[in-house]
Amino acid sequence: MNVLLLTVFLSMLLASLFLLFFLRERRNQNTFFNSPEQDALRPFDVETPKNALRR
């Protein structure tokens, strides 16, 4: 029975840590330091399209 309580306690601890870090990252979303994954998902509408050179 002690192993079950320990497992539940550790899983609740890990879940709360995940939630804490997730909310902290979402709150600091507009800062200068973004992850490459977030940058890769941004639309490319900021870039100016370049015309291909025709021969």
PDB file of N, CA and C in Angstrom:
ATOM      1  N   MET A   1       0.823  -1.204   0.000  1.00  0.00           N
ATOM      2  CA  MET A   1       0.000   0.000   0.000  1.00  0.00           C
ATOM      3  C   MET A   1       0.864   1.264   0.000  1.00  0.00           C
ATOM      4  N   ASN A   2       2.031   1.203   0.645  1.00  0.00           N
ATOM      5  CA  ASN A   2       2.913   2.361   0.665  1.00  0.00           C
ATOM      6  C   ASN A   2       3.454   2.685  -0.720  1.00  0.00           C
ATOM      7  N   VAL A   3       3.665   1.654  -1.531  1.00  0.00           N
ATOM      8  CA  VAL A   3       4.175   1.879  -2.884  1.00  0.00           C
ATOM      9  C   VAL A   3       3.128   2.614  -3.717  1.00  0.00           C
ATOM     10  N   LEU A   4       1.884   2.286  -3.543  1.00  0.00           N
ATOM     11  CA  LEU A   4       0.808   2.953  -4.268  1.00  0.00           C
ATOM     12  C   LEU A   4       0.722   4.429  -3.877  1.00  0.00           C
ATOM     13  N   LEU A   5       0.817   4.729  -2.606  1.00  0.00           N
ATOM     14  CA  LEU A   5       0.791   6.119  -2.158  1.00  0.00           C
ATOM     15  C   LEU A   5       1.997   6.893  -2.684  1.00  0.00           C
ATOM     16  N   LEU A   6       3.157   6.267  -2.683  1.00  0.00           N
ATOM     17  CA  LEU A   6       4.362   6.907  -3.202  1.00  0.00           C
ATOM     18  C   LEU A   6       4.234   7.176  -4.705  1.00  0.00           C
ATOM     19  N   THR A   7       3.673   6.231  -5.433  1.00  0.00           N
ATOM     20  CA  THR A   7       3.482   6.398  -6.875  1.00  0.00           C
ATOM     21  C   THR A   7       2.500   7.520  -7.167  1.00  0.00           C
ATOM     22  N   VAL A   8       1.419   7.590  -6.436  1.00  0.00           N
ATOM     23  CA  VAL A   8       0.440   8.661  -6.626  1.00  0.00           C
ATOM     24  C   VAL A   8       1.046  10.008  -6.268  1.00  0.00           C
ATOM     25  N   PHE A   9       1.804  10.058  -5.189  1.00  0.00           N
ATOM     26  CA  PHE A   9       2.439  11.311  -4.788  1.00  0.00           C
ATOM     27  C   PHE A   9       3.428  11.795  -5.852  1.00  0.00           C
ATOM     28  N   LEU A  10       4.268  10.914  -6.357  1.00  0.00           N
ATOM     29  CA  LEU A  10       5.249  11.305  -7.363  1.00  0.00           C
ATOM     30  C   LEU A  10       4.587  11.711  -8.676  1.00  0.00           C
ATOM     31  N   SER A  11       3.534  11.023  -9.066  1.00  0.00           N
ATOM     32  CA  SER A  11       2.849  11.391 -10.304  1.00  0.00           C
ATOM     33  C   SER A  11       2.147  12.740 -10.163  1.00  0.00           C
ATOM     34  N   MET A  12       1.579  13.030  -9.004  1.00  0.00           N
ATOM     35  CA  MET A  12       0.970  14.341  -8.787  1.00  0.00           C
ATOM     36  C   MET A  12       2.029  15.434  -8.750  1.00  0.00           C
ATOM     37  N   LEU A  13       3.188  15.142  -8.192  1.00  0.00           N
ATOM     38  CA  LEU A  13       4.286  16.099  -8.167  1.00  0.00           C
ATOM     39  C   LEU A  13       4.774  16.405  -9.578  1.00  0.00           C
ATOM     40  N   LEU A  14       4.952  15.387 -10.387  1.00  0.00           N
ATOM     41  CA  LEU A  14       5.394  15.592 -11.761  1.00  0.00           C
ATOM     42  C   LEU A  14       4.352  16.340 -12.591  1.00  0.00           C
ATOM     43  N   ALA A  15       3.083  16.022 -12.387  1.00  0.00           N
ATOM     44  CA  ALA A  15       2.021  16.711 -13.124  1.00  0.00           C
ATOM     45  C   ALA A  15       1.955  18.181 -12.731  1.00  0.00           C
ATOM     46  N   SER A  16       2.117  18.480 -11.458  1.00  0.00           N
ATOM     47  CA  SER A  16       2.072  19.878 -11.038  1.00  0.00           C
ATOM     48  C   SER A  16       3.303  20.639 -11.534  1.00  0.00           C
ATOM     49  N   LEU A  17       4.470  20.005 -11.572  1.00  0.00           N
ATOM     50  CA  LEU A  17       5.659  20.653 -12.124  1.00  0.00           C
ATOM     51  C   LEU A  17       5.487  20.935 -13.611  1.00  0.00           C
ATOM     52  N   PHE A  18       4.926  19.987 -14.344  1.00  0.00           N
ATOM     53  CA  PHE A  18       4.672  20.196 -15.761  1.00  0.00           C
ATOM     54  C   PHE A  18       3.722  21.361 -15.964  1.00  0.00           C
ATOM     55  N   LEU A  19       2.663  21.421 -15.193  1.00  0.00           N
ATOM     56  CA  LEU A  19       1.693  22.506 -15.315  1.00  0.00           C
ATOM     57  C   LEU A  19       2.331  23.853 -14.962  1.00  0.00           C
ATOM     58  N   LEU A  20       3.142  23.878 -13.931  1.00  0.00           N
ATOM     59  CA  LEU A  20       3.819  25.106 -13.528  1.00  0.00           C
ATOM     60  C   LEU A  20       4.749  25.610 -14.627  1.00  0.00           C
ATOM     61  N   PHE A  21       5.582  24.726 -15.169  1.00  0.00           N
ATOM     62  CA  PHE A  21       6.511  25.138 -16.221  1.00  0.00           C
ATOM     63  C   PHE A  21       5.782  25.514 -17.503  1.00  0.00           C
ATOM     64  N   PHE A  22       4.697  24.821 -17.820  1.00  0.00           N
ATOM     65  CA  PHE A  22       3.921  25.132 -19.012  1.00  0.00           C
ATOM     66  C   PHE A  22       3.298  26.520 -18.900  1.00  0.00           C
ATOM     67  N   LEU A  23       2.701  26.818 -17.768  1.00  0.00           N
ATOM     68  CA  LEU A  23       2.081  28.130 -17.593  1.00  0.00           C
ATOM     69  C   LEU A  23       3.121  29.238 -17.557  1.00  0.00           C
ATOM     70  N   ARG A  24       4.286  28.961 -16.984  1.00  0.00           N
ATOM     71  CA  ARG A  24       5.344  29.966 -16.961  1.00  0.00           C
ATOM     72  C   ARG A  24       5.856  30.266 -18.368  1.00  0.00           C
ATOM     73  N   GLU A  25       5.974  29.251 -19.190  1.00  0.00           N
ATOM     74  CA  GLU A  25       6.439  29.466 -20.563  1.00  0.00           C
ATOM     75  C   GLU A  25       5.388  30.195 -21.390  1.00  0.00           C
ATOM     76  N   ARG A  26       4.124  29.877 -21.195  1.00  0.00           N
ATOM     77  CA  ARG A  26       3.063  30.549 -21.940  1.00  0.00           C
ATOM     78  C   ARG A  26       2.948  32.010 -21.519  1.00  0.00           C
ATOM     79  N   ARG A  27       3.241  32.314 -20.264  1.00  0.00           N
ATOM     80  CA  ARG A  27       3.182  33.696 -19.792  1.00  0.00           C
ATOM     81  C   ARG A  27       4.311  34.516 -20.399  1.00  0.00           C
ATOM     82  N   ASN A  28       5.485  33.906 -20.574  1.00  0.00           N
ATOM     83  CA  ASN A  28       6.643  34.588 -21.132  1.00  0.00           C
ATOM     84  C   ASN A  28       6.750  34.379 -22.637  1.00  0.00           C
ATOM     85  N   GLN A  29       5.644  34.169 -23.289  1.00  0.00           N
ATOM     86  CA  GLN A  29       5.645  33.854 -24.710  1.00  0.00           C
ATOM     87  C   GLN A  29       6.110  35.031 -25.557  1.00  0.00           C
ATOM     88  N   ASN A  30       5.831  36.247 -25.146  1.00  0.00           N
ATOM     89  CA  ASN A  30       6.139  37.410 -25.960  1.00  0.00           C
ATOM     90  C   ASN A  30       7.531  37.973 -25.690  1.00  0.00           C
ATOM     91  N   THR A  31       8.366  37.241 -25.014  1.00  0.00           N
ATOM     92  CA  THR A  31       9.714  37.725 -24.753  1.00  0.00           C
ATOM     93  C   THR A  31      10.605  37.480 -25.955  1.00  0.00           C
ATOM     94  N   PHE A  32      11.827  37.943 -25.879  1.00  0.00           N
ATOM     95  CA  PHE A  32      12.759  37.828 -26.997  1.00  0.00           C
ATOM     96  C   PHE A  32      13.163  36.386 -27.258  1.00  0.00           C
ATOM     97  N   PHE A  33      13.288  35.591 -26.225  1.00  0.00           N
ATOM     98  CA  PHE A  33      13.771  34.228 -26.368  1.00  0.00           C
ATOM     99  C   PHE A  33      12.600  33.282 -26.621  1.00  0.00           C
ATOM    100  N   ASN A  34      12.471  32.860 -27.860  1.00  0.00           N
ATOM    101  CA  ASN A  34      11.460  31.873 -28.227  1.00  0.00           C
ATOM    102  C   ASN A  34      12.166  30.607 -28.669  1.00  0.00           C
ATOM    103  N   SER A  35      11.461  29.520 -28.598  1.00  0.00           N
ATOM    104  CA  SER A  35      12.060  28.261 -28.996  1.00  0.00           C
ATOM    105  C   SER A  35      12.049  28.130 -30.516  1.00  0.00           C
ATOM    106  N   PRO A  36      12.953  27.352 -31.077  1.00  0.00           N
ATOM    107  CA  PRO A  36      12.967  27.166 -32.528  1.00  0.00           C
ATOM    108  C   PRO A  36      11.700  26.494 -33.048  1.00  0.00           C
ATOM    109  N   GLU A  37      11.071  25.686 -32.212  1.00  0.00           N
ATOM    110  CA  GLU A  37       9.839  25.037 -32.633  1.00  0.00           C
ATOM    111  C   GLU A  37       8.732  26.067 -32.846  1.00  0.00           C
ATOM    112  N   GLN A  38       8.653  27.058 -31.966  1.00  0.00           N
ATOM    113  CA  GLN A  38       7.646  28.095 -32.132  1.00  0.00           C
ATOM    114  C   GLN A  38       7.960  28.966 -33.329  1.00  0.00           C
ATOM    115  N   ASP A  39       9.229  29.236 -33.570  1.00  0.00           N
ATOM    116  CA  ASP A  39       9.604  30.044 -34.725  1.00  0.00           C
ATOM    117  C   ASP A  39       9.309  29.313 -36.028  1.00  0.00           C
ATOM    118  N   ALA A  40       9.449  27.999 -36.041  1.00  0.00           N
ATOM    119  CA  ALA A  40       9.198  27.231 -37.249  1.00  0.00           C
ATOM    120  C   ALA A  40       7.717  27.186 -37.598  1.00  0.00           C
ATOM    121  N   LEU A  41       6.853  27.369 -36.624  1.00  0.00           N
ATOM    122  CA  LEU A  41       5.420  27.286 -36.882  1.00  0.00           C
ATOM    123  C   LEU A  41       4.801  28.629 -37.250  1.00  0.00           C
ATOM    124  N   ARG A  42       5.574  29.671 -37.231  1.00  0.00           N
ATOM    125  CA  ARG A  42       5.036  30.983 -37.580  1.00  0.00           C
ATOM    126  C   ARG A  42       4.806  31.075 -39.082  1.00  0.00           C
ATOM    127  N   PRO A  43       3.769  31.776 -39.480  1.00  0.00           N
ATOM    128  CA  PRO A  43       3.558  31.926 -40.925  1.00  0.00           C
ATOM    129  C   PRO A  43       4.644  32.799 -41.533  1.00  0.00           C
ATOM    130  N   PHE A  44       4.857  32.643 -42.807  1.00  0.00           N
ATOM    131  CA  PHE A  44       5.924  33.354 -43.495  1.00  0.00           C
ATOM    132  C   PHE A  44       5.427  34.636 -44.145  1.00  0.00           C
ATOM    133  N   ASP A  45       4.350  35.209 -43.647  1.00  0.00           N
ATOM    134  CA  ASP A  45       3.802  36.404 -44.267  1.00  0.00           C
ATOM    135  C   ASP A  45       4.639  37.648 -43.987  1.00  0.00           C
ATOM    136  N   VAL A  46       5.580  37.581 -43.067  1.00  0.00           N
ATOM    137  CA  VAL A  46       6.433  38.720 -42.770  1.00  0.00           C
ATOM    138  C   VAL A  46       7.503  38.869 -43.861  1.00  0.00           C
ATOM    139  N   GLU A  47       7.906  37.753 -44.458  1.00  0.00           N
ATOM    140  CA  GLU A  47       8.939  37.785 -45.467  1.00  0.00           C
ATOM    141  C   GLU A  47       8.392  38.358 -46.778  1.00  0.00           C
ATOM    142  N   THR A  48       9.251  39.007 -47.520  1.00  0.00           N
ATOM    143  CA  THR A  48       8.856  39.518 -48.831  1.00  0.00           C
ATOM    144  C   THR A  48       9.140  38.430 -49.864  1.00  0.00           C
ATOM    145  N   PRO A  49       8.167  38.122 -50.705  1.00  0.00           N
ATOM    146  CA  PRO A  49       8.391  37.077 -51.707  1.00  0.00           C
ATOM    147  C   PRO A  49       9.396  37.540 -52.768  1.00  0.00           C
ATOM    148  N   LYS A  50      10.220  36.632 -53.209  1.00  0.00           N
ATOM    149  CA  LYS A  50      11.209  36.951 -54.230  1.00  0.00           C
ATOM    150  C   LYS A  50      10.788  36.279 -55.532  1.00  0.00           C
ATOM    151  N   ASN A  51      10.875  37.023 -56.607  1.00  0.00           N
ATOM    152  CA  ASN A  51      10.554  36.462 -57.913  1.00  0.00           C
ATOM    153  C   ASN A  51      11.712  35.642 -58.430  1.00  0.00           C
ATOM    154  N   ALA A  52      11.374  34.521 -59.038  1.00  0.00           N
ATOM    155  CA  ALA A  52      12.403  33.675 -59.620  1.00  0.00           C
ATOM    156  C   ALA A  52      12.921  34.312 -60.911  1.00  0.00           C
ATOM    157  N   LEU A  53      14.184  34.178 -61.138  1.00  0.00           N
ATOM    158  CA  LEU A  53      14.775  34.740 -62.349  1.00  0.00           C
ATOM    159  C   LEU A  53      14.454  33.830 -63.542  1.00  0.00           C
ATOM    160  N   ARG A  54      13.944  34.413 -64.576  1.00  0.00           N
ATOM    161  CA  ARG A  54      13.622  33.628 -65.784  1.00  0.00           C
ATOM    162  C   ARG A  54      14.671  33.896 -66.844  1.00  0.00           C
ATOM    163  N   ARG A  55      15.035  32.860 -67.535  1.00  0.00           N
ATOM    164  CA  ARG A  55      16.037  32.987 -68.603  1.00  0.00           C
ATOM    165  C   ARG A  55      15.403  33.027 -69.952  1.00  0.00           C
TER     166      ARG A  55
END
